C-alpha atoms as a PDB file:
ATOM      1  CA  MET A   1       0.064   0.123   0.263  1.00  0.00           C
ATOM      2  CA  ILE A   2       1.241   3.357  -0.760  1.00  0.00           C
ATOM      3  CA  ILE A   3       0.828   6.104   1.712  1.00  0.00           C
ATOM      4  CA  ILE A   4       1.065   9.707   0.879  1.00  0.00           C
ATOM      5  CA  HIS A   5       1.106  12.334   3.642  1.00  0.00           C
ATOM      6  CA  ARG A   6       0.973  15.589   1.130  1.00  0.00           C
ATOM      7  CA  LEU A   7      -1.711  16.208  -1.230  1.00  0.00           C
ATOM      8  CA  ALA A   8       1.048  17.669  -3.551  1.00  0.00           C
ATOM      9  CA  ASP A   9       2.459  14.187  -3.713  1.00  0.00           C
ATOM     10  CA  ILE A  10      -0.570  12.622  -5.259  1.00  0.00           C
ATOM     11  CA  LYS A  11       0.156  11.143  -8.450  1.00  0.00           C
ATOM     12  CA  ALA A  12      -1.815  10.278 -11.443  1.00  0.00           C
ATOM     13  CA  TYR A  13      -3.431   6.590 -10.528  1.00  0.00           C
ATOM     14  CA  ALA A  14      -5.082   4.454 -13.193  1.00  0.00           C
ATOM     15  CA  LYS A  15      -8.989   5.153 -12.068  1.00  0.00           C
ATOM     16  CA  PRO A  16      -9.372   6.058  -8.712  1.00  0.00           C
ATOM     17  CA  VAL A  17     -11.913   4.475  -7.026  1.00  0.00           C
ATOM     18  CA  LEU A  18     -12.119   6.807  -3.784  1.00  0.00           C
ATOM     19  CA  THR A  19     -13.335   6.501  -0.339  1.00  0.00           C
ATOM     20  CA  LEU A  20     -13.427   9.412   1.953  1.00  0.00           C
ATOM     21  CA  GLY A  21     -13.936   9.639   6.090  1.00  0.00           C
ATOM     22  CA  ASN A  22     -12.277   9.484   9.580  1.00  0.00           C
ATOM     23  CA  PHE A  23     -12.454   5.530   9.924  1.00  0.00           C
ATOM     24  CA  ASP A  24     -11.959   5.351  13.513  1.00  0.00           C
ATOM     25  CA  GLY A  25     -12.259   1.900  14.416  1.00  0.00           C
ATOM     26  CA  LEU A  26     -12.591   0.391  10.985  1.00  0.00           C
ATOM     27  CA  HIS A  27     -15.582  -1.491  12.103  1.00  0.00           C
ATOM     28  CA  ARG A  28     -18.256  -3.609  10.036  1.00  0.00           C
ATOM     29  CA  GLY A  29     -19.647  -0.695   8.477  1.00  0.00           C
ATOM     30  CA  HIS A  30     -15.975   0.811   7.352  1.00  0.00           C
ATOM     31  CA  ARG A  31     -15.203  -2.397   5.988  1.00  0.00           C
ATOM     32  CA  ALA A  32     -18.420  -2.587   3.972  1.00  0.00           C
ATOM     33  CA  ILE A  33     -17.148   0.555   2.168  1.00  0.00           C
ATOM     34  CA  LEU A  34     -13.588  -0.389   1.895  1.00  0.00           C
ATOM     35  CA  GLU A  35     -14.628  -4.118   0.522  1.00  0.00           C
ATOM     36  CA  ARG A  36     -16.656  -2.140  -2.520  1.00  0.00           C
ATOM     37  CA  VAL A  37     -13.982   0.115  -3.210  1.00  0.00           C
ATOM     38  CA  VAL A  38     -11.609  -2.629  -3.491  1.00  0.00           C
ATOM     39  CA  GLU A  39     -14.092  -4.516  -5.512  1.00  0.00           C
ATOM     40  CA  ARG A  40     -14.865  -1.916  -8.042  1.00  0.00           C
ATOM     41  CA  ALA A  41     -11.111  -1.429  -8.343  1.00  0.00           C
ATOM     42  CA  GLY A  42     -10.643  -4.625  -9.441  1.00  0.00           C
ATOM     43  CA  GLU A  43     -13.891  -4.541 -11.683  1.00  0.00           C
ATOM     44  CA  LEU A  44     -12.437  -1.288 -13.309  1.00  0.00           C
ATOM     45  CA  GLY A  45      -8.768  -2.108 -13.179  1.00  0.00           C
ATOM     46  CA  GLY A  46      -8.411   1.005 -11.197  1.00  0.00           C
ATOM     47  CA  THR A  47      -6.815   2.062  -7.752  1.00  0.00           C
ATOM     48  CA  GLY A  48      -8.548   1.689  -5.015  1.00  0.00           C
ATOM     49  CA  MET A  49      -7.899   4.631  -2.611  1.00  0.00           C
ATOM     50  CA  VAL A  50      -8.546   6.141   0.755  1.00  0.00           C
ATOM     51  CA  LEU A  51      -8.599   9.774   1.778  1.00  0.00           C
ATOM     52  CA  THR A  52      -8.657  10.391   5.568  1.00  0.00           C
ATOM     53  CA  PHE A  53      -7.274  12.755   7.943  1.00  0.00           C
ATOM     54  CA  GLN A  54      -4.379  11.975  10.596  1.00  0.00           C
ATOM     55  CA  SER A  55      -6.491  13.023  13.452  1.00  0.00           C
ATOM     56  CA  HIS A  56     -10.217  13.492  13.978  1.00  0.00           C
ATOM     57  CA  PRO A  57     -11.252  17.541  13.078  1.00  0.00           C
ATOM     58  CA  LEU A  58     -12.358  17.863  16.504  1.00  0.00           C
ATOM     59  CA  GLU A  59      -9.051  17.532  18.142  1.00  0.00           C
ATOM     60  CA  ILE A  60      -8.034  20.708  16.465  1.00  0.00           C
ATOM     61  CA  LEU A  61     -11.327  22.435  16.307  1.00  0.00           C
ATOM     62  CA  ALA A  62     -12.528  21.419  19.615  1.00  0.00           C
ATOM     63  CA  PRO A  63     -10.173  19.397  21.794  1.00  0.00           C
ATOM     64  CA  HIS A  64     -12.542  19.148  24.636  1.00  0.00           C
ATOM     65  CA  LYS A  65     -15.024  17.534  22.560  1.00  0.00           C
ATOM     66  CA  SER A  66     -13.046  15.333  20.478  1.00  0.00           C
ATOM     67  CA  PRO A  67     -13.790  11.571  20.907  1.00  0.00           C
ATOM     68  CA  PRO A  68     -11.650   9.059  22.483  1.00  0.00           C
ATOM     69  CA  ARG A  69      -9.658   7.410  19.542  1.00  0.00           C
ATOM     70  CA  LEU A  70     -10.648   3.433  18.936  1.00  0.00           C
ATOM     71  CA  THR A  71      -7.555   3.239  16.469  1.00  0.00           C
ATOM     72  CA  THR A  72      -4.144   4.477  16.566  1.00  0.00           C
ATOM     73  CA  GLN A  73      -2.558   5.976  13.158  1.00  0.00           C
ATOM     74  CA  ASP A  74      -0.585   2.631  12.946  1.00  0.00           C
ATOM     75  CA  GLU A  75      -3.691   0.161  13.578  1.00  0.00           C
ATOM     76  CA  LYS A  76      -5.328   2.453  11.003  1.00  0.00           C
ATOM     77  CA  ILE A  77      -2.825   1.366   8.353  1.00  0.00           C
ATOM     78  CA  ARG A  78      -2.159  -1.930   9.342  1.00  0.00           C
ATOM     79  CA  LEU A  79      -6.074  -2.803   9.016  1.00  0.00           C
ATOM     80  CA  LEU A  80      -6.278  -0.557   5.745  1.00  0.00           C
ATOM     81  CA  ARG A  81      -3.419  -2.594   4.167  1.00  0.00           C
ATOM     82  CA  ASN A  82      -5.245  -5.940   5.189  1.00  0.00           C
ATOM     83  CA  PHE A  83      -8.367  -4.632   3.569  1.00  0.00           C
ATOM     84  CA  GLY A  84      -6.527  -4.553   0.218  1.00  0.00           C
ATOM     85  CA  VAL A  85      -6.458  -0.892  -0.158  1.00  0.00           C
ATOM     86  CA  GLN A  86      -3.831   0.292  -2.760  1.00  0.00           C
ATOM     87  CA  VAL A  87      -3.592   4.100  -1.772  1.00  0.00           C
ATOM     88  CA  LEU A  88      -3.871   5.581   1.054  1.00  0.00           C
ATOM     89  CA  ILE A  89      -3.828   9.484   1.294  1.00  0.00           C
ATOM     90  CA  SER A  90      -3.411  10.190   5.349  1.00  0.00           C
ATOM     91  CA  VAL A  91      -3.119  13.968   5.770  1.00  0.00           C
ATOM     92  CA  PRO A  92      -3.002  16.659   8.606  1.00  0.00           C
ATOM     93  CA  PHE A  93      -6.279  18.231   9.282  1.00  0.00           C
ATOM     94  CA  THR A  94      -5.791  21.902   9.223  1.00  0.00           C
ATOM     95  CA  ALA A  95      -7.421  25.235   9.828  1.00  0.00           C
ATOM     96  CA  GLU A  96      -7.454  25.687   5.927  1.00  0.00           C
ATOM     97  CA  PHE A  97      -9.510  22.508   5.765  1.00  0.00           C
ATOM     98  CA  ALA A  98     -11.633  23.484   8.500  1.00  0.00           C
ATOM     99  CA  GLN A  99     -12.660  26.458   6.424  1.00  0.00           C
ATOM    100  CA  GLN A 100     -13.181  24.959   3.364  1.00  0.00           C
ATOM    101  CA  SER A 101     -16.586  24.669   2.168  1.00  0.00           C
ATOM    102  CA  ALA A 102     -17.853  21.508   0.788  1.00  0.00           C
ATOM    103  CA  GLU A 103     -18.238  22.684  -2.748  1.00  0.00           C
ATOM    104  CA  LYS A 104     -14.630  24.070  -2.362  1.00  0.00           C
ATOM    105  CA  PHE A 105     -13.455  20.661  -0.786  1.00  0.00           C
ATOM    106  CA  LEU A 106     -14.745  18.631  -3.380  1.00  0.00           C
ATOM    107  CA  ASP A 107     -13.260  20.919  -6.236  1.00  0.00           C
ATOM    108  CA  GLU A 108      -9.516  21.607  -4.930  1.00  0.00           C
ATOM    109  CA  THR A 109      -9.180  18.680  -2.643  1.00  0.00           C
ATOM    110  CA  ILE A 110     -10.849  16.208  -4.130  1.00  0.00           C
ATOM    111  CA  TYR A 111     -11.309  16.621  -8.134  1.00  0.00           C
ATOM    112  CA  LYS A 112      -7.930  18.593  -8.824  1.00  0.00           C
ATOM    113  CA  ASN A 113      -5.856  15.998  -6.931  1.00  0.00           C
ATOM    114  CA  ILE A 114      -7.274  12.956  -7.439  1.00  0.00           C
ATOM    115  CA  HIS A 115      -9.709  12.696 -10.369  1.00  0.00           C
ATOM    116  CA  PRO A 116     -11.872   9.968  -8.931  1.00  0.00           C
ATOM    117  CA  THR A 117     -13.622   7.537 -11.653  1.00  0.00           C
ATOM    118  CA  GLU A 118     -15.874   6.788  -8.627  1.00  0.00           C
ATOM    119  CA  ILE A 119     -16.246   7.822  -5.195  1.00  0.00           C
ATOM    120  CA  ILE A 120     -17.956   5.244  -2.542  1.00  0.00           C
ATOM    121  CA  VAL A 121     -19.102   6.660   0.979  1.00  0.00           C
ATOM    122  CA  GLY A 122     -21.317   5.677   3.673  1.00  0.00           C
ATOM    123  CA  HIS A 123     -24.790   6.692   4.238  1.00  0.00           C
ATOM    124  CA  ASP A 124     -23.987   9.291   6.698  1.00  0.00           C
ATOM    125  CA  TYR A 125     -20.696  10.723   5.135  1.00  0.00           C
ATOM    126  CA  ALA A 126     -20.576  14.678   5.383  1.00  0.00           C
ATOM    127  CA  PHE A 127     -17.629  16.915   4.448  1.00  0.00           C
ATOM    128  CA  GLY A 128     -16.525  20.697   4.286  1.00  0.00           C
ATOM    129  CA  TYR A 129     -17.439  23.414   6.353  1.00  0.00           C
ATOM    130  CA  HIS A 130     -19.518  22.440   9.608  1.00  0.00           C
ATOM    131  CA  ARG A 131     -20.161  19.492   7.577  1.00  0.00           C
ATOM    132  CA  LYS A 132     -22.374  20.793   5.155  1.00  0.00           C
ATOM    133  CA  GLY A 133     -21.438  18.468   2.262  1.00  0.00           C
ATOM    134  CA  THR A 134     -23.612  15.449   2.041  1.00  0.00           C
ATOM    135  CA  VAL A 135     -24.034  12.533   0.117  1.00  0.00           C
ATOM    136  CA  LEU A 136     -26.927  14.658  -1.658  1.00  0.00           C
ATOM    137  CA  LEU A 137     -24.234  17.150  -2.651  1.00  0.00           C
ATOM    138  CA  LEU A 138     -21.912  14.299  -4.183  1.00  0.00           C
ATOM    139  CA  ASP A 139     -25.066  12.964  -6.166  1.00  0.00           C
ATOM    140  CA  LYS A 140     -25.599  16.436  -7.422  1.00  0.00           C
ATOM    141  CA  MET A 141     -22.514  16.937  -8.656  1.00  0.00           C
ATOM    142  CA  GLN A 142     -21.578  13.624 -10.545  1.00  0.00           C
ATOM    143  CA  SER A 143     -22.032  14.948 -13.970  1.00  0.00           C
ATOM    144  CA  ALA A 144     -19.816  18.208 -13.358  1.00  0.00           C
ATOM    145  CA  TYR A 145     -16.784  16.215 -12.151  1.00  0.00           C
ATOM    146  CA  GLY A 146     -17.664  13.074 -14.150  1.00  0.00           C
ATOM    147  CA  TYR A 147     -17.381  10.491 -10.954  1.00  0.00           C
ATOM    148  CA  ARG A 148     -19.927   7.957 -10.538  1.00  0.00           C
ATOM    149  CA  LEU A 149     -21.518   7.872  -6.879  1.00  0.00           C
ATOM    150  CA  GLU A 150     -22.051   4.877  -4.881  1.00  0.00           C
ATOM    151  CA  VAL A 151     -23.462   4.993  -1.140  1.00  0.00           C
ATOM    152  CA  ILE A 152     -23.292   2.049   0.992  1.00  0.00           C
ATOM    153  CA  ASP A 153     -25.880   1.673   3.455  1.00  0.00           C
ATOM    154  CA  ALA A 154     -25.515   1.246   7.020  1.00  0.00           C
ATOM    155  CA  VAL A 155     -24.401  -2.040   8.565  1.00  0.00           C
ATOM    156  CA  VAL A 156     -26.772  -3.710  11.311  1.00  0.00           C
ATOM    157  CA  CYS A 157     -25.572  -6.186  13.874  1.00  0.00           C
ATOM    158  CA  ASP A 158     -28.397  -7.890  16.169  1.00  0.00           C
ATOM    159  CA  GLY A 159     -30.592  -4.558  15.516  1.00  0.00           C
ATOM    160  CA  VAL A 160     -27.693  -2.247  16.173  1.00  0.00           C
ATOM    161  CA  ILE A 161     -26.098   0.158  13.602  1.00  0.00           C
ATOM    162  CA  SER A 162     -22.281  -0.646  13.658  1.00  0.00           C
ATOM    163  CA  SER A 163     -21.005   3.005  13.814  1.00  0.00           C
ATOM    164  CA  SER A 164     -17.946   4.449  15.819  1.00  0.00           C
ATOM    165  CA  THR A 165     -19.974   6.534  18.125  1.00  0.00           C
ATOM    166  CA  ARG A 166     -22.029   3.679  19.471  1.00  0.00           C
ATOM    167  CA  ILE A 167     -18.911   1.367  19.400  1.00  0.00           C
ATOM    168  CA  ARG A 168     -17.405   4.018  21.746  1.00  0.00           C
ATOM    169  CA  GLU A 169     -20.852   3.737  23.935  1.00  0.00           C
ATOM    170  CA  LYS A 170     -20.415   0.048  24.165  1.00  0.00           C
ATOM    171  CA  ILE A 171     -16.879  -0.082  25.084  1.00  0.00           C
ATOM    172  CA  ALA A 172     -17.442   2.862  27.623  1.00  0.00           C
ATOM    173  CA  GLU A 173     -20.053   1.234  29.429  1.00  0.00           C
ATOM    174  CA  GLY A 174     -18.295  -2.031  29.414  1.00  0.00           C
ATOM    175  CA  GLU A 175     -20.468  -3.843  27.073  1.00  0.00           C
ATOM    176  CA  ILE A 176     -17.187  -5.336  25.319  1.00  0.00           C
ATOM    177  CA  GLU A 177     -18.970  -8.224  23.482  1.00  0.00           C
ATOM    178  CA  THR A 178     -21.192  -5.938  21.619  1.00  0.00           C
ATOM    179  CA  ALA A 179     -18.450  -3.832  20.637  1.00  0.00           C
ATOM    180  CA  ASN A 180     -16.556  -6.662  19.310  1.00  0.00           C
ATOM    181  CA  LYS A 181     -19.618  -7.660  17.377  1.00  0.00           C
ATOM    182  CA  LEU A 182     -19.892  -4.261  15.754  1.00  0.00           C
ATOM    183  CA  LEU A 183     -16.232  -4.363  15.287  1.00  0.00           C
ATOM    184  CA  GLY A 184     -16.098  -7.301  13.502  1.00  0.00           C
ATOM    185  CA  ARG A 185     -13.215  -8.151  15.846  1.00  0.00           C
ATOM    186  CA  VAL A 186     -11.491  -8.059  19.164  1.00  0.00           C
ATOM    187  CA  TYR A 187     -10.901  -4.757  20.521  1.00  0.00           C
ATOM    188  CA  SER A 188      -7.195  -4.142  21.879  1.00  0.00           C
ATOM    189  CA  ILE A 189      -4.938  -1.708  23.267  1.00  0.00           C
ATOM    190  CA  THR A 190      -1.186  -1.966  23.034  1.00  0.00           C
ATOM    191  CA  ALA A 191       0.764  -0.363  25.926  1.00  0.00           C
ATOM    192  CA  ALA A 192       4.234  -0.961  27.529  1.00  0.00           C
ATOM    193  CA  VAL A 193       4.635  -2.714  30.833  1.00  0.00           C
ATOM    194  CA  VAL A 194       5.665  -0.572  33.615  1.00  0.00           C
ATOM    195  CA  ALA A 195       6.619  -0.620  37.356  1.00  0.00           C
ATOM    196  CA  GLY A 196       3.744  -1.573  39.521  1.00  0.00           C
ATOM    197  CA  GLY A 197       3.525  -2.351  43.304  1.00  0.00           C
ATOM    198  CA  GLN A 198       3.745  -6.256  43.157  1.00  0.00           C
ATOM    199  CA  LYS A 199       0.764  -6.545  44.519  1.00  0.00           C
ATOM    200  CA  GLY A 200      -0.631  -9.400  42.251  1.00  0.00           C
ATOM    201  CA  LYS A 201       2.864 -11.384  42.518  1.00  0.00           C
ATOM    202  CA  ALA A 202       2.330 -11.507  46.257  1.00  0.00           C
ATOM    203  CA  LEU A 203      -1.008 -13.332  45.978  1.00  0.00           C
ATOM    204  CA  GLY A 204       0.248 -15.601  43.324  1.00  0.00           C
ATOM    205  CA  PHE A 205      -0.987 -13.689  40.136  1.00  0.00           C
ATOM    206  CA  PRO A 206       1.812 -11.991  38.917  1.00  0.00           C
ATOM    207  CA  THR A 207       0.611  -8.763  36.862  1.00  0.00           C
ATOM    208  CA  ALA A 208       1.976  -6.363  34.191  1.00  0.00           C
ATOM    209  CA  ASN A 209       0.875  -2.975  34.544  1.00  0.00           C
ATOM    210  CA  LEU A 210       0.283  -1.108  31.605  1.00  0.00           C
ATOM    211  CA  ALA A 211       1.224   2.233  30.510  1.00  0.00           C
ATOM    212  CA  GLN A 212      -1.340   4.910  29.723  1.00  0.00           C
ATOM    213  CA  GLN A 213      -2.157   4.923  25.890  1.00  0.00           C
ATOM    214  CA  PRO A 214      -4.174   7.011  23.595  1.00  0.00           C
ATOM    215  CA  LYS A 215      -6.887   4.663  23.048  1.00  0.00           C
ATOM    216  CA  LEU A 216     -10.713   4.226  24.911  1.00  0.00           C
ATOM    217  CA  ILE A 217     -10.243   2.135  27.665  1.00  0.00           C
ATOM    218  CA  SER A 218     -13.224  -0.048  28.591  1.00  0.00           C
ATOM    219  CA  ALA A 219     -15.292   0.393  31.722  1.00  0.00           C
ATOM    220  CA  VAL A 220     -13.989  -0.398  35.248  1.00  0.00           C
ATOM    221  CA  GLY A 221     -13.981  -4.409  35.839  1.00  0.00           C
ATOM    222  CA  VAL A 222     -12.580  -7.725  35.404  1.00  0.00           C
ATOM    223  CA  TYR A 223     -12.413  -9.075  31.791  1.00  0.00           C
ATOM    224  CA  ALA A 224     -11.357 -12.288  29.951  1.00  0.00           C
ATOM    225  CA  VAL A 225      -8.489 -11.171  27.514  1.00  0.00           C
ATOM    226  CA  TRP A 226      -6.091 -12.354  25.046  1.00  0.00           C
ATOM    227  CA  VAL A 227      -2.420 -11.063  25.259  1.00  0.00           C
ATOM    228  CA  SER A 228      -0.175 -10.866  22.363  1.00  0.00           C
ATOM    229  CA  PHE A 229       3.684 -10.970  23.165  1.00  0.00           C
ATOM    230  CA  LYS A 230       6.751 -11.361  20.628  1.00  0.00           C
ATOM    231  CA  GLY A 231       4.489 -13.422  18.569  1.00  0.00           C
ATOM    232  CA  ARG A 232       2.572 -15.542  20.787  1.00  0.00           C
ATOM    233  CA  VAL A 233      -0.838 -15.251  22.073  1.00  0.00           C
ATOM    234  CA  PHE A 234      -1.904 -16.131  25.293  1.00  0.00           C
ATOM    235  CA  GLN A 235      -5.214 -16.589  27.526  1.00  0.00           C
ATOM    236  CA  GLY A 236      -5.367 -13.921  30.405  1.00  0.00           C
ATOM    237  CA  VAL A 237      -7.416 -11.823  32.821  1.00  0.00           C
ATOM    238  CA  ALA A 238      -7.261  -7.890  32.763  1.00  0.00           C
ATOM    239  CA  ASN A 239      -8.228  -5.802  35.680  1.00  0.00           C
ATOM    240  CA  ILE A 240      -9.168  -2.075  34.938  1.00  0.00           C
ATOM    241  CA  GLY A 241      -9.456  -0.242  38.231  1.00  0.00           C
ATOM    242  CA  TYR A 242      -8.521   1.562  41.103  1.00  0.00           C
ATOM    243  CA  GLN A 243      -7.214  -1.389  43.953  1.00  0.00           C
ATOM    244  CA  PRO A 244     -10.296  -0.509  46.219  1.00  0.00           C
ATOM    245  CA  THR A 245      -9.007  -3.183  48.296  1.00  0.00           C
ATOM    246  CA  TYR A 246      -5.896  -1.269  48.999  1.00  0.00           C
ATOM    247  CA  GLY A 247      -7.455   1.802  49.117  1.00  0.00           C
ATOM    248  CA  GLN A 248      -8.095   4.530  46.429  1.00  0.00           C
ATOM    249  CA  HIS A 249      -5.185   4.434  43.765  1.00  0.00           C
ATOM    250  CA  PRO A 250      -5.110   5.855  39.869  1.00  0.00           C
ATOM    251  CA  LEU A 251      -6.610   4.096  37.622  1.00  0.00           C
ATOM    252  CA  LEU A 252      -4.824   0.850  36.204  1.00  0.00           C
ATOM    253  CA  VAL A 253      -4.739  -1.712  33.695  1.00  0.00           C
ATOM    254  CA  GLU A 254      -3.493  -4.710  34.866  1.00  0.00           C
ATOM    255  CA  VAL A 255      -2.824  -7.989  33.230  1.00  0.00           C
ATOM    256  CA  HIS A 256      -2.364 -11.574  34.492  1.00  0.00           C
ATOM    257  CA  MET A 257      -1.163 -13.754  31.856  1.00  0.00           C
ATOM    258  CA  LEU A 258      -2.203 -17.278  32.171  1.00  0.00           C
ATOM    259  CA  ASP A 259       0.374 -19.953  31.686  1.00  0.00           C
ATOM    260  CA  PHE A 260       3.434 -17.974  31.022  1.00  0.00           C
ATOM    261  CA  LYS A 261       6.669 -17.509  33.385  1.00  0.00           C
ATOM    262  CA  GLY A 262       9.157 -14.550  31.976  1.00  0.00           C
ATOM    263  CA  ASP A 263      10.039 -11.050  32.633  1.00  0.00           C
ATOM    264  CA  ILE A 264       8.016  -8.665  30.636  1.00  0.00           C
ATOM    265  CA  TYR A 265       9.080  -5.291  32.198  1.00  0.00           C
ATOM    266  CA  LYS A 266       9.298  -2.667  29.777  1.00  0.00           C
ATOM    267  CA  GLU A 267       8.081  -4.714  26.934  1.00  0.00           C
ATOM    268  CA  ARG A 268       4.797  -3.957  24.700  1.00  0.00           C
ATOM    269  CA  LEU A 269       1.798  -6.230  24.975  1.00  0.00           C
ATOM    270  CA  ARG A 270      -1.259  -5.899  23.025  1.00  0.00           C
ATOM    271  CA  VAL A 271      -4.287  -7.077  24.810  1.00  0.00           C
ATOM    272  CA  GLY A 272      -7.485  -8.014  23.094  1.00  0.00           C
ATOM    273  CA  PHE A 273     -10.697  -7.669  25.747  1.00  0.00           C
ATOM    274  CA  VAL A 274     -13.322 -10.605  25.119  1.00  0.00           C
ATOM    275  CA  ALA A 275     -15.795 -10.411  28.108  1.00  0.00           C
ATOM    276  CA  ARG A 276     -16.541  -8.861  30.957  1.00  0.00           C
ATOM    277  CA  LEU A 277     -16.502 -10.996  34.084  1.00  0.00           C
ATOM    278  CA  ARG A 278     -17.398  -8.718  36.893  1.00  0.00           C
ATOM    279  CA  ASP A 279     -17.052  -5.318  38.583  1.00  0.00           C
ATOM    280  CA  GLU A 280     -14.215  -4.246  40.515  1.00  0.00           C
ATOM    281  CA  VAL A 281     -15.173  -4.573  44.088  1.00  0.00           C
ATOM    282  CA  ALA A 282     -13.335  -4.087  47.219  1.00  0.00           C
ATOM    283  CA  PHE A 283     -12.602  -6.932  49.039  1.00  0.00           C
ATOM    284  CA  ALA A 284     -12.408  -7.502  53.257  1.00  0.00           C
ATOM    285  CA  GLY A 285      -8.330  -8.652  52.844  1.00  0.00           C
ATOM    286  CA  GLU A 286      -6.068 -10.380  50.426  1.00  0.00           C
ATOM    287  CA  GLU A 287      -7.385 -13.846  51.197  1.00  0.00           C
ATOM    288  CA  GLU A 288     -10.911 -12.770  50.107  1.00  0.00           C
ATOM    289  CA  LEU A 289      -9.022 -11.127  47.116  1.00  0.00           C
ATOM    290  CA  ARG A 290      -7.051 -14.398  46.334  1.00  0.00           C
ATOM    291  CA  ASP A 291      -9.920 -16.299  46.074  1.00  0.00           C
ATOM    292  CA  GLN A 292     -11.605 -14.324  43.578  1.00  0.00           C
ATOM    293  CA  ILE A 293      -8.738 -14.095  41.310  1.00  0.00           C
ATOM    294  CA  GLU A 294      -8.765 -17.958  41.648  1.00  0.00           C
ATOM    295  CA  LYS A 295     -12.511 -17.745  40.112  1.00  0.00           C
ATOM    296  CA  ASP A 296     -11.680 -14.964  37.721  1.00  0.00           C
ATOM    297  CA  VAL A 297      -9.023 -17.273  36.153  1.00  0.00           C
ATOM    298  CA  SER A 298     -10.829 -20.273  36.026  1.00  0.00           C
ATOM    299  CA  ARG A 299     -13.909 -18.585  34.166  1.00  0.00           C
ATOM    300  CA  ALA A 300     -11.599 -16.699  31.742  1.00  0.00           C
ATOM    301  CA  ARG A 301      -9.871 -20.059  30.846  1.00  0.00           C
ATOM    302  CA  GLN A 302     -13.431 -20.893  30.302  1.00  0.00           C
ATOM    303  CA  VAL A 303     -14.853 -18.412  28.210  1.00  0.00           C
ATOM    304  CA  LEU A 304     -11.448 -18.250  25.998  1.00  0.00           C
ATOM    305  CA  THR A 305     -11.091 -21.982  25.589  1.00  0.00           C
ATOM    306  CA  ASP A 306     -14.026 -22.614  23.571  1.00  0.00           C
ATOM    307  CA  LEU A 307     -12.798 -19.498  21.333  1.00  0.00           C
ATOM    308  CA  PRO A 308      -9.973 -19.682  18.180  1.00  0.00           C
ATOM    309  CA  THR A 309      -7.381 -17.697  19.046  1.00  0.00           C
ATOM    310  CA  PRO A 310      -7.330 -14.403  17.034  1.00  0.00           C
ATOM    311  CA  VAL A 311      -5.003 -12.152  15.370  1.00  0.00           C
ATOM    312  CA  LEU A 312      -5.130  -9.162  17.243  1.00  0.00           C
ATOM    313  CA  LEU A 313      -4.955  -6.313  15.158  1.00  0.00           C
END
């Protein structure tokens, strides 16, 4: 996949089949669009292309309103490559873009730089100043700019529309199984292992404390997880919370890897969240906490053993 970071670096590509959007999460709805882009590019002997911004526009315009990310830039690139996209145009969002009218964005950013043969977007795609550009405008301007427009309907899973907003809601509420269905894969985070208080090790269940990272963290609680480390995937249990048995602490993400021995301090782990097992609670003492962790490990093993080991993306 060719990756372009400046509009000025875009070259002439054969019969561009273009889609546009933020694509945070690259969920089932996004996949439907991208699969169609790749399919049409193949049918036309053209080039499947994606135009996106490196950051959510709200991160620049109103940081306090910007939603937490579901995918990092590296994850987005990796997923788009796996989907078969041939050219990714990933440019910084700037004040100039923010002020462009929808008509100007269509003319100066899309047409003059890419000359798309086809444009394929989701039903709710919007662009330009105050998001006034919609599929209605793209439809209206087809003949003027010589492209064919195709609009992809929403993807619905178990009665719920797959959207970045809905997935964020489900993750924040701890409904990770529903979020994973809407994503079409296991939601994961990647972080370095940092020094901790060694409380888990003292209980017989050593945990890896994960450094803070930019993605959305699921609701407080205990989860069955997959843990990817140096090419291997292990079963695990993760606790997201404040260690209430030991008093109030800053929010931590701790992971216990099942059937693993070794030093992983300062290493990077990718943790995929599969099922929420229970709330985080304060126990009367360490013995009671240890008993509960044993139950959590047993239940996590039961949940994960029945599932195929995933490739965490």
